[in-house]
Amino acid sequence: MQKEQRKGIEYLARFGLAGRGLVYLLIAFVAMRIPFGNPASADKEGVMASISAKPWGVPALIAIAVGFAGYAIWRLVEGIADPEGKSRKTEGKFKRVGYLFRGGLYTVFAYNALKVAFTKQSQGSTQKAQETTAGVFSLPGGKWLVLGFGLGVIAAGAYNGYRAFAGKYRKDFKVHEMSAAQRKFLFPIAAAGLYARAVVFCVVGAFFVHSAVTIDPAKAIGLDGALQRILTSPGGYWWLEIVAAGLAAFGIFSLAQARYRSVMNS
């Protein structure tokens, strides 16, 4: 891959990380207001619907879509071409599969952002999850596909928790460009954000598994549904506020990555 191409993908990746960070901060803000009767859906779709209602909503959503597309391109290039040479070990091969999955997922997010920008129509992630699950159940082996997806989401959540616990996220930063104060401030925030994602992913995955076992698409949930389940659990108000703060931490982590993450070996 030529130097100019690598540089272009790096810029797209950094713009995408910044966009992801801003969206997570907005999700956290909406989630913190759920116990007070906030009607907005605390997920990417709900946040984008709220943005679309603002006078500046369309250009903001287009910028978010470009950011998500940039992130998707970066992950797809990593998954297909492996420009950073991560596939030499078994762990690297699994990472490439994960990159391809995230690339596809953020392509969908980019499309949804553009759709909301120009049509003002959006679905909550739980509604979308239930409709998609119902369609998958109609396919041969659909139950097993939903079960596999749910287990995959749980595995992704567990990996986020492992990254936080083991400090794996630190090696992605260009530490030599960060001051000691920045590292002291950002690294605990990064860990908190990854733990929050781990909790949400595991809750979402568990309900997909439940949906597969019961063959009931209504049991599937998205991010908004996971936060509602946390709220209705014992001590739910406090747990929800803690998770929302963690999602805000992940947003800050993503913004820090936009500046200091090593991308395309740069």
Protein backbone atom coordinates (compact mmCIF):
# COMPACT_ATOMS: atom_id res chain seq x y z
CA MET A 1 0.00 0.00 0.00
CA GLN A 2 1.41 3.38 -1.01
CA LYS A 3 2.29 6.03 1.56
CA GLU A 4 -0.39 8.44 0.29
CA GLN A 5 -3.06 5.74 0.58
CA ARG A 6 -2.00 4.85 4.11
CA LYS A 7 -2.08 8.52 5.10
CA GLY A 8 -5.55 8.95 3.63
CA ILE A 9 -6.88 5.94 5.55
CA GLU A 10 -5.22 7.25 8.71
CA TYR A 11 -7.09 10.56 8.41
CA LEU A 12 -10.37 8.70 7.82
CA ALA A 13 -9.72 6.50 10.85
CA ARG A 14 -9.01 9.46 13.13
CA PHE A 15 -12.10 11.29 11.93
CA GLY A 16 -14.10 8.12 12.53
CA LEU A 17 -12.76 7.69 16.06
CA ALA A 18 -13.67 11.30 16.84
CA GLY A 19 -17.18 10.75 15.46
CA ARG A 20 -17.58 7.59 17.54
CA GLY A 21 -16.47 9.47 20.62
CA LEU A 22 -18.99 12.27 20.15
CA VAL A 23 -21.83 9.81 19.56
CA TYR A 24 -20.97 7.86 22.72
CA LEU A 25 -20.92 11.07 24.74
CA LEU A 26 -24.40 11.90 23.44
CA ILE A 27 -25.63 8.36 24.20
CA ALA A 28 -24.30 8.70 27.75
CA PHE A 29 -26.06 12.05 28.16
CA VAL A 30 -29.37 10.57 27.00
CA ALA A 31 -28.91 7.45 29.17
CA MET A 32 -28.32 9.51 32.31
CA ARG A 33 -31.70 11.17 31.78
CA ILE A 34 -33.68 7.92 31.28
CA PRO A 35 -34.71 7.64 34.97
CA PHE A 36 -36.18 11.15 34.76
CA GLY A 37 -38.59 10.26 31.97
CA ASN A 38 -36.42 11.20 29.02
CA PRO A 39 -38.32 9.97 25.90
CA ALA A 40 -35.27 9.75 23.63
CA SER A 41 -33.84 6.34 22.78
CA ALA A 42 -30.38 5.91 24.32
CA ASP A 43 -28.63 4.36 21.37
CA LYS A 44 -27.03 5.55 18.13
CA GLU A 45 -30.35 5.66 16.31
CA GLY A 46 -32.08 7.61 19.08
CA VAL A 47 -29.25 10.09 19.34
CA MET A 48 -29.24 10.62 15.57
CA ALA A 49 -33.00 11.17 15.59
CA SER A 50 -32.55 13.84 18.27
CA ILE A 51 -29.81 15.51 16.23
CA SER A 52 -31.96 15.50 13.08
CA ALA A 53 -34.54 17.67 14.81
CA LYS A 54 -32.02 20.49 15.32
CA PRO A 55 -31.52 23.30 12.77
CA TRP A 56 -27.94 22.11 12.28
CA GLY A 57 -28.98 18.44 12.30
CA VAL A 58 -28.47 17.51 8.64
CA PRO A 59 -24.86 18.73 8.29
CA ALA A 60 -24.03 17.21 11.70
CA LEU A 61 -25.44 13.82 10.67
CA ILE A 62 -23.59 13.95 7.36
CA ALA A 63 -20.36 14.60 9.30
CA ILE A 64 -21.16 11.67 11.61
CA ALA A 65 -21.87 9.46 8.58
CA VAL A 66 -18.52 10.42 7.04
CA GLY A 67 -16.82 9.65 10.34
CA PHE A 68 -18.48 6.24 10.61
CA ALA A 69 -17.62 5.52 6.97
CA GLY A 70 -14.01 6.47 7.65
CA TYR A 71 -13.89 4.13 10.63
CA ALA A 72 -15.49 1.37 8.54
CA ILE A 73 -12.95 1.77 5.72
CA TRP A 74 -10.06 1.63 8.19
CA ARG A 75 -11.34 -1.57 9.81
CA LEU A 76 -12.14 -3.21 6.48
CA VAL A 77 -8.65 -2.42 5.16
CA GLU A 78 -7.15 -3.86 8.36
CA GLY A 79 -9.27 -6.97 8.05
CA ILE A 80 -8.61 -7.57 4.35
CA ALA A 81 -5.08 -6.29 3.72
CA ASP A 82 -3.57 -6.49 7.23
CA PRO A 83 -1.27 -3.47 6.63
CA GLU A 84 -0.02 -3.56 10.23
CA GLY A 85 1.01 -7.23 10.00
CA LYS A 86 -1.21 -8.45 12.83
CA SER A 87 -2.05 -11.86 11.33
CA ARG A 88 1.30 -13.49 12.06
CA LYS A 89 -0.10 -14.94 15.27
CA THR A 90 -3.37 -16.74 15.94
CA GLU A 91 -4.65 -13.82 18.01
CA GLY A 92 -4.03 -11.53 15.05
CA LYS A 93 -6.15 -13.71 12.75
CA PHE A 94 -9.08 -13.49 15.16
CA LYS A 95 -8.56 -9.73 15.33
CA ARG A 96 -8.83 -9.47 11.55
CA VAL A 97 -12.20 -11.24 11.66
CA GLY A 98 -13.28 -8.75 14.31
CA TYR A 99 -12.09 -5.86 12.15
CA LEU A 100 -14.18 -7.11 9.23
CA PHE A 101 -17.24 -7.39 11.49
CA ARG A 102 -16.74 -3.87 12.84
CA GLY A 103 -16.16 -2.54 9.35
CA GLY A 104 -19.48 -3.98 8.22
CA LEU A 105 -21.22 -2.72 11.35
CA TYR A 106 -19.98 0.85 10.96
CA THR A 107 -20.92 0.79 7.29
CA VAL A 108 -24.49 0.18 8.47
CA PHE A 109 -24.14 2.98 11.06
CA ALA A 110 -22.98 5.37 8.32
CA TYR A 111 -25.94 4.40 6.13
CA ASN A 112 -28.35 4.89 9.04
CA ALA A 113 -26.94 8.34 9.78
CA LEU A 114 -27.50 9.41 6.18
CA LYS A 115 -30.98 7.86 6.18
CA VAL A 116 -31.98 9.79 9.31
CA ALA A 117 -30.45 12.98 7.90
CA PHE A 118 -32.50 12.90 4.71
CA THR A 119 -35.68 11.06 5.72
CA LYS A 120 -35.95 12.00 9.44
CA GLN A 121 -36.92 8.34 10.05
CA SER A 122 -35.24 6.12 12.61
CA GLN A 123 -35.83 2.96 14.61
CA GLY A 124 -34.64 2.18 18.09
CA SER A 125 -31.97 -0.49 18.17
CA THR A 126 -34.23 -2.89 20.08
CA GLN A 127 -37.02 -2.60 17.51
CA LYS A 128 -34.51 -3.14 14.73
CA ALA A 129 -32.96 -6.10 16.58
CA GLN A 130 -36.35 -7.76 16.99
CA GLU A 131 -37.33 -7.27 13.35
CA THR A 132 -33.98 -8.56 12.12
CA THR A 133 -34.11 -11.54 14.48
CA ALA A 134 -37.59 -12.44 13.27
CA GLY A 135 -36.27 -12.44 9.70
CA VAL A 136 -33.28 -14.60 10.63
CA PHE A 137 -35.55 -17.15 12.34
CA SER A 138 -37.27 -17.69 9.00
CA LEU A 139 -33.97 -18.84 7.45
CA PRO A 140 -32.70 -22.44 7.57
CA GLY A 141 -30.77 -22.79 10.81
CA GLY A 142 -31.94 -19.34 11.87
CA LYS A 143 -32.06 -20.30 15.53
CA TRP A 144 -28.39 -21.22 15.45
CA LEU A 145 -27.47 -18.03 13.62
CA VAL A 146 -29.14 -15.94 16.32
CA LEU A 147 -27.51 -18.06 19.03
CA GLY A 148 -24.11 -17.65 17.39
CA PHE A 149 -24.61 -13.90 17.12
CA GLY A 150 -25.58 -13.64 20.78
CA LEU A 151 -22.56 -15.65 21.88
CA GLY A 152 -20.37 -13.50 19.63
CA VAL A 153 -21.66 -10.31 21.26
CA ILE A 154 -21.00 -11.80 24.71
CA ALA A 155 -17.48 -12.73 23.57
CA ALA A 156 -16.95 -9.15 22.33
CA GLY A 157 -18.11 -7.86 25.70
CA ALA A 158 -15.76 -10.23 27.53
CA TYR A 159 -12.90 -9.09 25.31
CA ASN A 160 -13.62 -5.46 26.16
CA GLY A 161 -13.45 -6.37 29.82
CA TYR A 162 -10.21 -8.29 29.29
CA ARG A 163 -8.65 -5.32 27.47
CA ALA A 164 -9.57 -3.09 30.40
CA PHE A 165 -8.32 -5.51 33.05
CA ALA A 166 -5.05 -6.34 31.28
CA GLY A 167 -4.40 -2.79 30.08
CA LYS A 168 -4.24 -3.99 26.46
CA TYR A 169 -5.60 -0.67 25.22
CA ARG A 170 -2.37 1.07 26.25
CA LYS A 171 -0.28 -0.46 23.48
CA ASP A 172 -2.48 1.23 20.85
CA PHE A 173 -1.52 4.69 22.08
CA LYS A 174 1.52 6.62 20.91
CA VAL A 175 2.64 6.90 24.51
CA HIS A 176 5.82 8.78 23.59
CA GLU A 177 3.66 11.70 22.41
CA MET A 178 1.66 11.83 25.65
CA SER A 179 2.68 13.56 28.85
CA ALA A 180 2.69 11.71 32.17
CA ALA A 181 -0.36 13.74 33.24
CA GLN A 182 -2.26 12.74 30.08
CA ARG A 183 -1.49 9.07 30.63
CA LYS A 184 -2.52 9.28 34.28
CA PHE A 185 -5.81 10.92 33.28
CA LEU A 186 -6.70 8.94 30.14
CA PHE A 187 -5.78 5.37 31.03
CA PRO A 188 -8.26 4.96 33.94
CA ILE A 189 -10.94 6.59 31.78
CA ALA A 190 -10.18 4.15 28.96
CA ALA A 191 -10.51 1.20 31.34
CA ALA A 192 -13.83 2.51 32.71
CA GLY A 193 -15.18 2.95 29.19
CA LEU A 194 -14.21 -0.57 28.16
CA TYR A 195 -15.77 -2.05 31.31
CA ALA A 196 -19.03 -0.21 30.56
CA ARG A 197 -19.07 -1.54 27.01
CA ALA A 198 -18.38 -5.01 28.37
CA VAL A 199 -21.46 -4.82 30.60
CA VAL A 200 -23.74 -3.53 27.84
CA PHE A 201 -22.48 -6.02 25.24
CA CYS A 202 -22.93 -8.95 27.63
CA VAL A 203 -26.49 -7.88 28.48
CA VAL A 204 -27.38 -7.50 24.78
CA GLY A 205 -25.75 -10.83 23.91
CA ALA A 206 -27.51 -12.66 26.75
CA PHE A 207 -30.90 -11.52 25.49
CA PHE A 208 -30.07 -12.65 21.94
CA VAL A 209 -29.14 -16.06 23.37
CA HIS A 210 -32.45 -16.07 25.29
CA SER A 211 -34.24 -15.16 22.06
CA ALA A 212 -32.57 -18.08 20.26
CA VAL A 213 -33.35 -20.60 23.02
CA THR A 214 -37.02 -19.55 23.21
CA ILE A 215 -37.28 -18.87 19.44
CA ASP A 216 -38.91 -15.56 20.35
CA PRO A 217 -37.63 -12.49 18.45
CA ALA A 218 -39.32 -10.21 21.01
CA LYS A 219 -36.65 -11.24 23.53
CA ALA A 220 -33.84 -9.65 21.45
CA ILE A 221 -32.72 -6.18 22.52
CA GLY A 222 -30.35 -3.45 21.41
CA LEU A 223 -28.39 -0.88 23.38
CA ASP A 224 -31.51 1.05 24.40
CA GLY A 225 -33.13 -2.16 25.63
CA ALA A 226 -30.02 -3.13 27.59
CA LEU A 227 -30.04 0.19 29.42
CA GLN A 228 -33.73 -0.21 30.24
CA ARG A 229 -33.04 -3.70 31.64
CA ILE A 230 -30.27 -2.29 33.81
CA LEU A 231 -32.66 0.40 35.08
CA THR A 232 -35.29 -2.18 36.12
CA SER A 233 -32.78 -4.39 37.96
CA PRO A 234 -32.29 -4.08 41.76
CA GLY A 235 -30.49 -0.81 42.41
CA GLY A 236 -31.06 -0.06 38.74
CA TYR A 237 -30.93 3.73 38.97
CA TRP A 238 -27.41 3.70 40.36
CA TRP A 239 -26.23 0.95 38.03
CA LEU A 240 -27.60 2.84 35.03
CA GLU A 241 -25.87 6.05 36.04
CA ILE A 242 -22.60 4.16 36.53
CA VAL A 243 -22.90 2.49 33.11
CA ALA A 244 -23.84 5.81 31.49
CA ALA A 245 -20.78 7.43 33.05
CA GLY A 246 -18.76 4.53 31.68
CA LEU A 247 -20.14 5.09 28.19
CA ALA A 248 -19.16 8.75 28.52
CA ALA A 249 -15.68 7.55 29.50
CA PHE A 250 -15.59 5.43 26.34
CA GLY A 251 -16.50 8.53 24.36
CA ILE A 252 -13.57 10.41 25.89
CA PHE A 253 -11.35 7.39 25.23
CA SER A 254 -12.38 7.43 21.56
CA LEU A 255 -11.63 11.15 21.27
CA ALA A 256 -8.20 10.53 22.80
CA GLN A 257 -7.65 7.71 20.30
CA ALA A 258 -8.45 10.11 17.47
CA ARG A 259 -5.36 12.06 18.49
CA TYR A 260 -2.98 9.56 20.02
CA ARG A 261 -3.84 6.12 18.62
CA SER A 262 -1.31 4.41 16.41
CA VAL A 263 -3.04 4.01 13.03
CA MET A 264 -1.53 2.29 10.00
CA ASN A 265 1.78 2.06 11.91
CA SER A 266 1.93 5.85 12.26
